[in-house]
Structure formats: structure tokens, C-alpha cells
Amino acid sequence: MAKHILVIEDMRYLREIQVLLLAEAGYTATGFEDAREALARLPDLAPDLIVLDLGLPGMDGRQFLAQLRATVAWARLPVLISTGRRPDDLAFGEHLALLSKPFTDESLLTRVRAMIGSA
């Protein structure tokens, strides 16, 4: 069974490109424009990784991440932060990594494979 990745990105074209690239690499990928909807769907989708934009309208990426980490079931879920600026307030490590925008197809896939392995 392919590993499942959620892409939470408000820019439609970026979200669609990421979902397409991940699917072509053999992952199952689901895109969300809204962080609240993604959070509500987590139990149904049980992702292996989340690619998260920080600059989301409504509930932003930091708020999403805080709620994710406050839930025991999702506290260690790997998250790949996708942003144009390096966030100094986040501690990157085993379960949190950075993907700087703009990024290449290969840099996205390299980061994903480093975090969860091949599809």
C-alpha cells in the first residue's frame, strides 16, 4: 500500500503540482486548501506525512501544527514545512523539516523520501 501524504497549501497551482509530483512518485497524495478541514479529516485519512504551508488563511500553519502536536495520536507525525522564509520559531528535527520555496521537483521528493522513505 502506498504511503499517504497530505498537502496543505492555499495556492491552488502549488497544491496541485505537489499532489501530482507525489502521485507520480508512487505516493497517495491528498490536497487541502484549508487547515481546519485537513485537521478534521486526519483520522479518516491517517497520513504518513504532511506537507504544510505556513501562510494559510484562517488557521495558519503554526496553529495547525500546534493542534496537531497537542493530539497524542499525531504528536510524532512527520511534517514538512513549505515556506518562503525560514521560520526561526520552529525547532526542526526528526519529525519536522523545512522545504524552502521556491523548490524543485527533486528537492520535494528528496525531503519526502528522507522523512518517510520511498512510496
Protein backbone atom coordinates (compact mmCIF):
# COMPACT_ATOMS: atom_id res chain seq x y z
CA MET A 1 0.00 0.00 0.00
CA ALA A 2 1.36 3.43 -0.96
CA LYS A 3 2.26 5.88 1.76
CA HIS A 4 -0.28 8.70 2.14
CA ILE A 5 0.75 12.36 2.14
CA LEU A 6 -1.45 15.37 2.87
CA VAL A 7 -0.55 18.61 1.12
CA ILE A 8 -1.98 21.67 2.87
CA GLU A 9 -1.43 24.66 0.59
CA ASP A 10 -3.79 27.55 -0.15
CA MET A 11 -2.29 28.33 -3.58
CA ARG A 12 -4.19 26.00 -5.87
CA TYR A 13 -1.50 25.59 -8.53
CA LEU A 14 1.21 24.77 -5.93
CA ARG A 15 -1.08 22.30 -4.19
CA GLU A 16 -1.98 20.59 -7.48
CA ILE A 17 1.66 20.41 -8.60
CA GLN A 18 2.75 18.87 -5.30
CA VAL A 19 -0.08 16.32 -5.32
CA LEU A 20 0.75 15.39 -8.92
CA LEU A 21 4.50 15.04 -8.25
CA LEU A 22 3.90 12.88 -5.20
CA ALA A 23 1.39 10.70 -7.04
CA GLU A 24 3.80 10.24 -9.97
CA ALA A 25 6.44 9.13 -7.44
CA GLY A 26 4.07 6.42 -6.18
CA TYR A 27 2.64 8.07 -3.07
CA THR A 28 -1.04 8.60 -2.43
CA ALA A 29 -1.50 12.36 -2.06
CA THR A 30 -4.48 14.41 -0.97
CA GLY A 31 -4.55 18.20 -1.19
CA PHE A 32 -6.29 20.64 1.12
CA GLU A 33 -6.68 24.39 0.79
CA ASP A 34 -7.91 24.80 4.35
CA ALA A 35 -6.04 23.71 7.50
CA ARG A 36 -9.23 23.27 9.56
CA GLU A 37 -10.66 20.83 7.02
CA ALA A 38 -7.37 18.91 6.88
CA LEU A 39 -7.28 18.67 10.69
CA ALA A 40 -10.86 17.36 10.76
CA ARG A 41 -10.07 14.72 8.12
CA LEU A 42 -6.86 13.41 9.74
CA PRO A 43 -8.50 10.43 11.50
CA ASP A 44 -10.11 9.26 8.24
CA LEU A 45 -7.01 9.69 6.09
CA ALA A 46 -4.28 8.54 8.53
CA PRO A 47 -1.41 10.16 6.62
CA ASP A 48 2.24 9.15 6.84
CA LEU A 49 3.41 12.75 6.23
CA ILE A 50 2.03 16.27 5.93
CA VAL A 51 3.46 18.92 3.62
CA LEU A 52 2.35 22.15 5.30
CA ASP A 53 2.39 25.73 4.08
CA LEU A 54 2.76 28.17 6.97
CA GLY A 55 1.00 31.14 5.37
CA LEU A 56 -2.55 29.83 5.26
CA PRO A 57 -5.67 31.98 5.68
CA GLY A 58 -7.88 31.31 8.69
CA MET A 59 -5.97 28.71 10.68
CA ASP A 60 -2.34 29.24 9.69
CA GLY A 61 0.34 26.57 9.55
CA ARG A 62 1.67 27.29 13.04
CA GLN A 63 -1.81 26.96 14.57
CA PHE A 64 -2.36 23.74 12.65
CA LEU A 65 0.98 22.38 13.83
CA ALA A 66 0.23 23.30 17.46
CA GLN A 67 -3.10 21.47 17.36
CA LEU A 68 -1.52 18.51 15.58
CA ARG A 69 1.23 18.18 18.19
CA ALA A 70 -1.28 18.55 21.06
CA THR A 71 -3.05 15.38 19.90
CA VAL A 72 -1.28 12.25 21.15
CA ALA A 73 -2.08 10.25 18.01
CA TRP A 74 -0.47 12.89 15.77
CA ALA A 75 2.30 14.23 18.02
CA ARG A 76 5.06 12.41 16.10
CA LEU A 77 3.58 12.59 12.61
CA PRO A 78 6.27 13.87 10.23
CA VAL A 79 5.59 17.37 8.87
CA LEU A 80 7.46 19.04 6.03
CA ILE A 81 7.11 22.83 6.35
CA SER A 82 6.86 24.55 2.97
CA THR A 83 7.59 28.27 3.20
CA GLY A 84 9.38 31.14 1.51
CA ARG A 85 11.04 32.35 4.73
CA ARG A 86 12.88 30.34 7.36
CA PRO A 87 10.73 30.31 10.49
CA ASP A 88 13.03 30.98 13.46
CA ASP A 89 10.36 29.94 15.96
CA LEU A 90 10.21 26.28 14.88
CA ALA A 91 12.60 23.56 16.05
CA PHE A 92 13.42 21.35 13.09
CA GLY A 93 14.40 17.77 13.76
CA GLU A 94 13.26 14.18 13.33
CA HIS A 95 9.54 14.94 12.86
CA LEU A 96 9.76 18.44 11.39
CA ALA A 97 11.74 19.52 8.33
CA LEU A 98 11.92 22.56 6.06
CA LEU A 99 11.29 22.80 2.32
CA SER A 100 12.14 26.30 1.14
CA LYS A 101 10.02 27.89 -1.58
CA PRO A 102 10.61 28.01 -4.42
CA PHE A 103 11.57 24.35 -4.58
CA THR A 104 12.32 21.90 -7.36
CA ASP A 105 10.53 18.63 -8.01
CA GLU A 106 13.62 16.75 -6.89
CA SER A 107 14.03 18.73 -3.66
CA LEU A 108 10.43 17.94 -2.68
CA LEU A 109 10.84 14.24 -3.39
CA THR A 110 14.26 14.10 -1.70
CA ARG A 111 12.83 15.62 1.50
CA VAL A 112 9.80 13.33 1.45
CA ARG A 113 11.96 10.21 0.96
CA ALA A 114 14.29 11.32 3.76
CA MET A 115 11.34 11.62 6.13
CA ILE A 116 9.21 8.57 5.25
CA GLY A 117 11.12 6.54 2.67
CA SER A 118 10.07 5.57 -0.83
CA ALA A 119 6.46 5.11 -1.80
